[in-house]
Amino acid sequence: MVEDDATIAAPLVRALRRAAFAVDHVDTGEEALRRLAAEHFALVVLDLGLPGIDGLQVCRRIRRDHAGVGVLMLTARSAERDEVLGLDAGADDYVVKPFSLAVLVARARALLRRGAPEGGPEAVRIGDLHVDLTGRRASRGEAELVLAPKEFDLLALLATHAGEALSREDIMSQVWDRNWFGSTKTLDVHVGWLRAKLGSPPLITTVRGYGFRLEQS
C-alpha cells in the first residue's frame, strides 16, 4: 500500500488484513520502489497523488522493472483523461476516491486471481503463440512475452476461446470484475498493449460493435 495520507491508509490496511491479505504500508513512491527492489510483492495499491515521485512515475517504473506485479491505482481525480493516464502508465485497475472498502478488497482479490479455471487446460497453443495457463507464461515464436497480470489474464481468456468473438461485457466481467458495469476504456487500453507485445502478424481482431476475437491462425 503506497498512500501518504494516514487517515486513508490506516482503514485500507485494516480492511485488507481482515480479508487475509499480508499488507505493508509506505508513504512515498521512493520507498515503494526500494521495497519492490528488495522484496517480492504480488500487488501494489498505489495512490496517484504522492509527494516526490508521483503515482504515475512509480507505476511506469513498476511496469519497467517488475512487470508481473499487479497495480491497483487510487486517485481523487475522476476525469476520464486521468483514468486513461493511469492505465497508460501501466495500472491494471483504477479506483476513484471515495470508494467503499468492500469494493477495494474485491478489486484486489480480482487482480490476485491466478491459475487456469478448474478443470480447464494447462496450456494453449495457437500457431506460434504458446500460453502456459498454470505457469502464467506466454511466448510467441522464440520470444517470451513480458506481460502485466491483467494483460496475461486477457490473453488467457482470448486464447482459451480462440476463434470465438467475445463481447466487451463478457471480457470485462471475467477479467476485471464479475459485478462490472460502466466504461470499457480499460479493456481498450489493455488490448492495445497486448497487440503491441504480440507483434506481427496481428492476432487480436476487433469485432465492430461487439468485442474482440483471437484468431486461430
Protein backbone atom coordinates (compact mmCIF):
# COMPACT_ATOMS: atom_id res chain seq x y z
CA MET A 1 0.00 0.00 0.00
CA VAL A 2 1.54 3.29 -1.14
CA GLU A 3 -0.51 6.12 0.37
CA ASP A 4 0.79 9.28 2.05
CA ASP A 5 -2.46 10.16 3.86
CA ALA A 6 -2.51 8.14 7.10
CA THR A 7 -6.25 8.72 7.58
CA ILE A 8 -6.87 6.92 4.28
CA ALA A 9 -4.12 4.29 4.55
CA ALA A 10 -4.97 3.03 8.06
CA PRO A 11 -8.55 1.83 7.35
CA LEU A 12 -7.49 0.40 3.97
CA VAL A 13 -4.69 -1.62 5.54
CA ARG A 14 -7.05 -2.87 8.28
CA ALA A 15 -9.69 -3.88 5.71
CA LEU A 16 -7.17 -5.78 3.57
CA ARG A 17 -5.71 -7.55 6.60
CA ARG A 18 -9.20 -8.55 7.77
CA ALA A 19 -9.65 -10.06 4.30
CA ALA A 20 -6.50 -12.17 4.91
CA PHE A 21 -4.05 -10.12 2.86
CA ALA A 22 -0.50 -9.60 4.12
CA VAL A 23 -0.02 -5.83 3.80
CA ASP A 24 2.95 -3.48 4.12
CA HIS A 25 2.41 0.29 4.03
CA VAL A 26 4.79 3.01 2.81
CA ASP A 27 4.02 6.68 2.26
CA THR A 28 6.33 7.69 -0.62
CA GLY A 29 6.98 6.46 -4.13
CA GLU A 30 10.71 6.33 -3.46
CA GLU A 31 10.22 3.96 -0.53
CA ALA A 32 7.83 1.82 -2.56
CA LEU A 33 10.44 1.35 -5.30
CA ARG A 34 13.12 0.49 -2.72
CA ARG A 35 10.88 -2.15 -1.15
CA LEU A 36 9.96 -3.62 -4.52
CA ALA A 37 13.63 -3.93 -5.42
CA ALA A 38 14.35 -5.79 -2.18
CA GLU A 39 11.25 -8.00 -1.70
CA HIS A 40 8.58 -9.80 -3.71
CA PHE A 41 5.07 -8.31 -3.75
CA ALA A 42 2.13 -9.60 -5.78
CA LEU A 43 0.14 -6.35 -5.78
CA VAL A 44 0.75 -2.62 -5.26
CA VAL A 45 -2.18 -0.45 -4.18
CA LEU A 46 -0.85 2.89 -5.36
CA ASP A 47 -2.07 6.42 -4.66
CA LEU A 48 -1.72 8.74 -7.65
CA GLY A 49 -1.04 11.94 -5.69
CA LEU A 50 2.17 11.18 -3.79
CA PRO A 51 4.86 13.61 -2.61
CA GLY A 52 8.13 13.45 -4.55
CA ILE A 53 7.79 10.79 -7.24
CA ASP A 54 4.09 10.71 -8.08
CA GLY A 55 2.00 7.60 -8.66
CA LEU A 56 2.26 7.76 -12.46
CA GLN A 57 6.06 7.72 -12.32
CA VAL A 58 6.04 4.90 -9.76
CA CYS A 59 3.65 2.89 -11.94
CA ARG A 60 5.86 3.32 -15.02
CA ARG A 61 8.90 2.14 -13.03
CA ILE A 62 6.97 -0.89 -11.75
CA ARG A 63 5.98 -1.81 -15.29
CA ARG A 64 9.58 -1.41 -16.47
CA ASP A 65 11.28 -3.31 -13.64
CA HIS A 66 8.57 -5.56 -12.10
CA ALA A 67 6.24 -6.46 -14.97
CA GLY A 68 4.48 -9.28 -13.10
CA VAL A 69 3.34 -7.13 -10.17
CA GLY A 70 -0.31 -6.05 -10.20
CA VAL A 71 -1.05 -2.33 -9.78
CA LEU A 72 -4.33 -1.01 -8.39
CA MET A 73 -4.26 2.78 -8.64
CA LEU A 74 -6.16 5.03 -6.20
CA THR A 75 -6.97 8.61 -7.09
CA ALA A 76 -9.25 11.50 -6.23
CA ARG A 77 -9.24 12.50 -9.92
CA SER A 78 -12.37 11.22 -11.65
CA ALA A 79 -11.90 12.78 -15.09
CA GLU A 80 -11.72 10.32 -17.97
CA ARG A 81 -8.36 11.79 -19.06
CA ASP A 82 -6.85 10.99 -15.64
CA GLU A 83 -8.12 7.40 -15.83
CA VAL A 84 -6.54 6.98 -19.27
CA LEU A 85 -3.25 8.43 -17.98
CA GLY A 86 -3.23 5.92 -15.13
CA LEU A 87 -3.95 2.99 -17.44
CA ASP A 88 -1.39 4.19 -19.98
CA ALA A 89 1.19 4.29 -17.19
CA GLY A 90 0.56 0.57 -16.63
CA ALA A 91 -2.11 0.32 -13.93
CA ASP A 92 -4.18 -2.87 -14.06
CA ASP A 93 -7.19 -1.24 -12.40
CA TYR A 94 -8.22 2.24 -11.27
CA VAL A 95 -10.40 3.19 -8.29
CA VAL A 96 -11.66 6.74 -7.72
CA LYS A 97 -11.93 8.14 -4.19
CA PRO A 98 -14.23 7.98 -2.32
CA PHE A 99 -14.84 4.24 -2.64
CA SER A 100 -16.11 1.53 -0.33
CA LEU A 101 -13.65 -0.74 1.45
CA ALA A 102 -15.58 -3.75 0.13
CA VAL A 103 -15.03 -2.59 -3.45
CA LEU A 104 -11.31 -2.12 -2.88
CA VAL A 105 -10.96 -5.60 -1.35
CA ALA A 106 -12.93 -7.14 -4.25
CA ARG A 107 -10.75 -5.36 -6.82
CA ALA A 108 -7.60 -6.52 -5.04
CA ARG A 109 -8.84 -10.11 -4.98
CA ALA A 110 -9.67 -9.94 -8.69
CA LEU A 111 -6.16 -8.74 -9.52
CA LEU A 112 -4.59 -11.52 -7.47
CA ARG A 113 -6.56 -14.33 -9.07
CA ARG A 114 -4.13 -16.82 -10.51
CA GLY A 115 -4.14 -20.05 -12.49
CA ALA A 116 -6.41 -21.66 -15.02
CA PRO A 117 -10.10 -22.32 -14.41
CA GLU A 118 -10.77 -25.57 -12.54
CA GLY A 119 -10.84 -28.49 -14.95
CA GLY A 120 -9.55 -26.33 -17.82
CA PRO A 121 -6.46 -26.84 -19.96
CA GLU A 122 -3.00 -26.24 -18.53
CA ALA A 123 -1.72 -24.61 -21.73
CA VAL A 124 -2.98 -23.38 -25.09
CA ARG A 125 -1.04 -23.30 -28.37
CA ILE A 126 -2.32 -21.31 -31.34
CA GLY A 127 0.14 -21.24 -34.23
CA ASP A 128 3.39 -19.80 -32.84
CA LEU A 129 1.65 -18.48 -29.70
CA HIS A 130 2.01 -20.58 -26.54
CA VAL A 131 0.12 -19.66 -23.36
CA ASP A 132 1.04 -21.58 -20.19
CA LEU A 133 -2.08 -21.05 -18.06
CA THR A 134 -0.80 -22.68 -14.88
CA GLY A 135 2.68 -21.13 -15.04
CA ARG A 136 1.27 -17.78 -16.22
CA ARG A 137 3.82 -17.50 -19.02
CA ALA A 138 3.35 -16.78 -22.70
CA SER A 139 5.62 -16.76 -25.72
CA ARG A 140 5.36 -16.13 -29.43
CA GLY A 141 7.86 -17.96 -31.54
CA GLU A 142 11.13 -17.96 -29.60
CA ALA A 143 10.36 -14.76 -27.69
CA GLU A 144 8.85 -14.82 -24.21
CA LEU A 145 6.23 -12.12 -23.68
CA VAL A 146 6.62 -9.85 -20.65
CA LEU A 147 3.01 -9.33 -19.57
CA ALA A 148 1.43 -7.46 -16.69
CA PRO A 149 -1.11 -9.55 -14.70
CA LYS A 150 -4.19 -8.18 -16.46
CA GLU A 151 -2.53 -8.46 -19.86
CA PHE A 152 -1.92 -12.15 -19.18
CA ASP A 153 -5.48 -12.66 -17.90
CA LEU A 154 -6.84 -11.03 -21.05
CA LEU A 155 -4.61 -13.11 -23.33
CA ALA A 156 -5.50 -16.31 -21.47
CA LEU A 157 -9.23 -15.65 -21.87
CA LEU A 158 -8.93 -14.86 -25.58
CA ALA A 159 -6.61 -17.84 -26.18
CA THR A 160 -8.89 -20.34 -24.46
CA HIS A 161 -11.72 -19.07 -26.71
CA ALA A 162 -9.62 -18.72 -29.89
CA GLY A 163 -11.76 -18.19 -32.96
CA GLU A 164 -14.69 -17.04 -30.81
CA ALA A 165 -15.90 -13.44 -30.67
CA LEU A 166 -16.11 -12.37 -27.02
CA SER A 167 -18.24 -9.38 -26.10
CA ARG A 168 -16.76 -6.45 -24.23
CA GLU A 169 -19.14 -7.14 -21.36
CA ASP A 170 -18.07 -10.78 -21.07
CA ILE A 171 -14.38 -9.86 -21.13
CA MET A 172 -14.82 -7.14 -18.51
CA SER A 173 -16.78 -9.41 -16.18
CA GLN A 174 -14.33 -12.31 -16.49
CA VAL A 175 -11.02 -10.43 -16.45
CA TRP A 176 -11.85 -7.47 -14.24
CA ASP A 177 -14.92 -7.86 -12.06
CA ARG A 178 -17.95 -10.16 -12.08
CA ASN A 179 -20.06 -7.21 -10.93
CA TRP A 180 -18.58 -4.86 -13.54
CA PHE A 181 -20.59 -2.07 -15.08
CA GLY A 182 -19.70 1.15 -16.88
CA SER A 183 -16.86 2.13 -19.23
CA THR A 184 -14.75 -0.37 -21.18
CA LYS A 185 -11.84 2.02 -21.78
CA THR A 186 -9.67 -0.15 -19.52
CA LEU A 187 -10.22 -3.01 -21.95
CA ASP A 188 -9.28 -0.92 -24.99
CA VAL A 189 -6.04 0.20 -23.35
CA HIS A 190 -5.07 -3.37 -22.38
CA VAL A 191 -5.91 -4.73 -25.84
CA GLY A 192 -3.63 -2.04 -27.31
CA TRP A 193 -0.75 -3.05 -25.04
CA LEU A 194 -1.31 -6.73 -25.76
CA ARG A 195 -1.36 -6.21 -29.52
CA ALA A 196 1.93 -4.31 -29.32
CA LYS A 197 3.58 -7.09 -27.30
CA LEU A 198 2.23 -9.88 -29.53
CA GLY A 199 3.71 -8.22 -32.61
CA SER A 200 3.06 -9.21 -36.22
CA PRO A 201 1.16 -10.70 -37.85
CA PRO A 202 -1.65 -9.38 -35.63
CA LEU A 203 -3.66 -11.96 -33.69
CA ILE A 204 -6.41 -9.92 -32.00
CA THR A 205 -9.26 -8.74 -34.21
CA THR A 206 -11.79 -6.08 -33.22
CA VAL A 207 -15.33 -7.28 -33.80
CA ARG A 208 -17.01 -3.98 -34.53
CA GLY A 209 -19.81 -3.08 -32.17
CA TYR A 210 -19.29 -6.24 -30.13
CA GLY A 211 -15.84 -7.09 -28.78
CA PHE A 212 -12.65 -8.96 -29.71
CA ARG A 213 -11.51 -12.29 -31.15
CA LEU A 214 -8.14 -14.03 -31.07
CA GLU A 215 -7.58 -15.58 -34.49
CA GLN A 216 -6.73 -19.26 -34.73
CA SER A 217 -4.16 -18.85 -37.49
